[in-house]
Protein backbone atom coordinates (compact mmCIF):
# COMPACT_ATOMS: atom_id res chain seq x y z
CA MET A 1 17.16 -17.32 10.42
CA SER A 2 13.65 -18.62 9.82
CA ARG A 3 10.75 -16.32 9.03
CA LEU A 4 9.04 -17.24 12.29
CA THR A 5 12.16 -16.32 14.25
CA GLN A 6 12.42 -13.02 12.36
CA PHE A 7 8.77 -12.30 13.15
CA ARG A 8 9.24 -13.14 16.83
CA ASN A 9 12.28 -10.84 17.00
CA LEU A 10 10.18 -7.85 15.95
CA SER A 11 8.82 -5.50 18.55
CA PRO A 12 5.18 -6.09 19.57
CA ALA A 13 4.17 -2.91 17.71
CA ASP A 14 5.92 -4.08 14.52
CA ARG A 15 4.31 -7.54 14.76
CA ARG A 16 0.88 -5.91 15.13
CA LEU A 17 1.52 -3.59 12.18
CA LEU A 18 2.81 -6.44 10.00
CA ALA A 19 -0.23 -8.58 10.84
CA GLN A 20 -2.54 -5.69 9.96
CA ALA A 21 -0.66 -5.17 6.70
CA VAL A 22 -1.05 -8.83 5.71
CA VAL A 23 -4.80 -8.62 6.35
CA TRP A 24 -5.18 -5.37 4.37
CA VAL A 25 -3.04 -6.54 1.42
CA ALA A 26 -5.04 -9.78 1.20
CA ALA A 27 -8.33 -7.86 1.48
CA ALA A 28 -7.25 -5.37 -1.19
CA ARG A 29 -6.13 -8.19 -3.47
CA CYS A 30 -9.51 -9.91 -3.17
CA ALA A 31 -11.47 -6.66 -3.48
CA LEU A 32 -9.61 -5.64 -6.64
CA ALA A 33 -10.28 -9.07 -8.16
CA LEU A 34 -14.01 -8.98 -7.37
CA LEU A 35 -15.09 -5.34 -7.40
CA LYS A 36 -14.79 -2.29 -9.62
CA LEU A 37 -11.87 0.03 -8.98
CA GLU A 38 -14.34 2.82 -8.19
CA THR A 39 -15.95 0.75 -5.42
CA VAL A 40 -12.60 -0.13 -3.86
CA SER A 41 -11.53 3.52 -4.08
CA ARG A 42 -14.70 4.68 -2.38
CA PHE A 43 -14.14 2.24 0.48
CA ALA A 44 -10.50 3.34 0.87
CA ARG A 45 -11.56 7.00 1.10
CA ARG A 46 -13.96 6.16 3.94
CA CYS A 47 -11.26 4.46 6.04
CA GLN A 48 -10.15 7.44 8.03
CA ARG A 49 -9.58 7.74 11.74
CA ARG A 50 -11.15 10.75 13.31
CA GLY A 51 -9.08 12.63 15.84
CA ARG A 52 -5.36 12.51 16.48
CA GLU A 53 -2.64 10.97 14.35
CA GLY A 54 -1.83 7.31 14.96
CA SER A 55 1.46 5.94 16.16
CA ASP A 56 2.60 4.35 12.88
CA PRO A 57 4.55 6.71 10.61
CA ALA A 58 4.37 6.36 6.83
CA LYS A 59 7.81 4.70 6.52
CA ARG A 60 6.87 1.95 9.00
CA ILE A 61 3.58 1.37 7.19
CA GLY A 62 5.45 1.20 3.87
CA TRP A 63 7.86 -1.36 5.34
CA ALA A 64 5.02 -3.48 6.73
CA VAL A 65 3.00 -3.45 3.49
CA ALA A 66 6.04 -4.26 1.34
CA ALA A 67 6.88 -7.18 3.66
CA ALA A 68 3.26 -8.37 3.69
CA GLY A 69 3.12 -8.23 -0.12
CA ARG A 70 5.81 -10.90 -0.29
CA TYR A 71 3.57 -13.35 1.60
CA VAL A 72 0.16 -12.66 0.01
CA PRO A 73 -0.28 -14.78 -3.11
CA ARG A 74 -0.53 -12.76 -6.33
CA SER A 75 -0.10 -9.48 -4.54
CA THR A 76 0.25 -6.54 -6.91
CA CYS A 77 1.56 -3.01 -6.53
CA LEU A 78 -2.05 -1.78 -6.72
CA ALA A 79 -3.21 -4.07 -3.89
CA GLU A 80 -0.23 -3.00 -1.79
CA ALA A 81 -0.94 0.65 -2.58
CA PHE A 82 -4.55 0.32 -1.43
CA ALA A 83 -3.46 -1.49 1.74
CA ALA A 84 -0.88 1.19 2.54
CA HIS A 85 -3.40 3.95 1.77
CA VAL A 86 -5.97 2.46 4.15
CA LEU A 87 -3.43 1.92 6.92
CA MET A 88 -2.14 5.47 6.55
CA ARG A 89 -5.60 6.98 6.59
CA ARG A 90 -6.49 4.90 9.65
CA ASN A 91 -3.42 6.43 11.29
CA GLY A 92 -4.48 9.94 10.34
CA LEU A 93 -1.82 10.35 7.66
CA PRO A 94 -2.75 12.11 4.41
CA SER A 95 -1.98 9.79 1.51
CA VAL A 96 -2.71 9.51 -2.19
CA ILE A 97 -2.51 6.47 -4.46
CA CYS A 98 -0.85 7.26 -7.78
CA VAL A 99 -1.18 5.06 -10.83
CA GLY A 100 1.16 5.67 -13.71
CA VAL A 101 2.11 4.24 -17.08
CA ALA A 102 5.52 3.87 -18.67
CA ARG A 103 6.24 5.64 -21.92
CA ASN A 104 8.18 4.13 -24.80
CA VAL A 105 8.05 0.59 -23.48
CA SER A 106 8.38 -2.13 -26.03
CA PRO A 107 6.72 -4.46 -26.35
CA GLY A 108 3.46 -3.69 -24.62
CA PHE A 109 2.22 -1.62 -21.77
CA ARG A 110 3.48 -1.20 -18.21
CA ALA A 111 1.70 0.34 -15.25
CA HIS A 112 2.68 0.86 -11.61
CA ALA A 113 0.97 2.09 -8.44
CA TRP A 114 2.58 3.84 -5.51
CA VAL A 115 1.51 5.84 -2.46
CA GLU A 116 2.54 9.38 -1.63
CA CYS A 117 2.26 10.75 1.89
CA ALA A 118 3.01 14.42 2.57
CA GLY A 119 4.67 14.77 -0.84
CA GLN A 120 7.03 11.79 -0.33
CA ILE A 121 6.73 8.34 -1.87
CA ALA A 122 5.92 5.97 0.99
CA ILE A 123 5.67 2.70 -0.93
CA GLY A 124 6.40 1.70 -4.51
CA SER A 125 9.31 4.07 -4.97
CA ALA A 126 11.66 1.69 -6.77
CA GLU A 127 10.01 2.14 -10.17
CA SER A 128 7.94 5.31 -9.70
CA PRO A 129 10.24 7.77 -11.54
CA ASP A 130 9.90 5.72 -14.74
CA PHE A 131 6.12 6.19 -14.80
CA THR A 132 3.93 9.12 -15.77
CA PRO A 133 1.01 9.48 -13.31
CA ILE A 134 -2.39 9.20 -14.97
CA LEU A 135 -4.65 8.65 -11.93
CA ARG A 136 -4.60 9.89 -8.35
CA ILE A 137 -6.87 8.31 -5.74
CA GLY A 138 -7.10 10.14 -2.48
């Protein structure tokens, strides 16, 4: 089945969420390439909907961002984490970006970013247990 057919078979709400996720992952990717992490973090903290919770639960947002990350060139776990964080905050969901490093990795250094929502890992869970958190952005 082609990607276009798969997209068309999604519900209208899922198509809208996936389109938003592609935009936010691409925006986060560009912002992280051009701006300081502190500036991107400040912007992400400001993206919060006032009032009631949105209709997109954390798992659906995680699915949409993970899918979008496969189509945005040079997408990283950090860009996807920022995109998921913004989408969750815009839906009134409390989320935190965690950045961790792997211990005893040879050769070199490994880092990973994931998003936690209400104490559960919403995106980036595949590798998260192998990393020690060193930074939390919320």
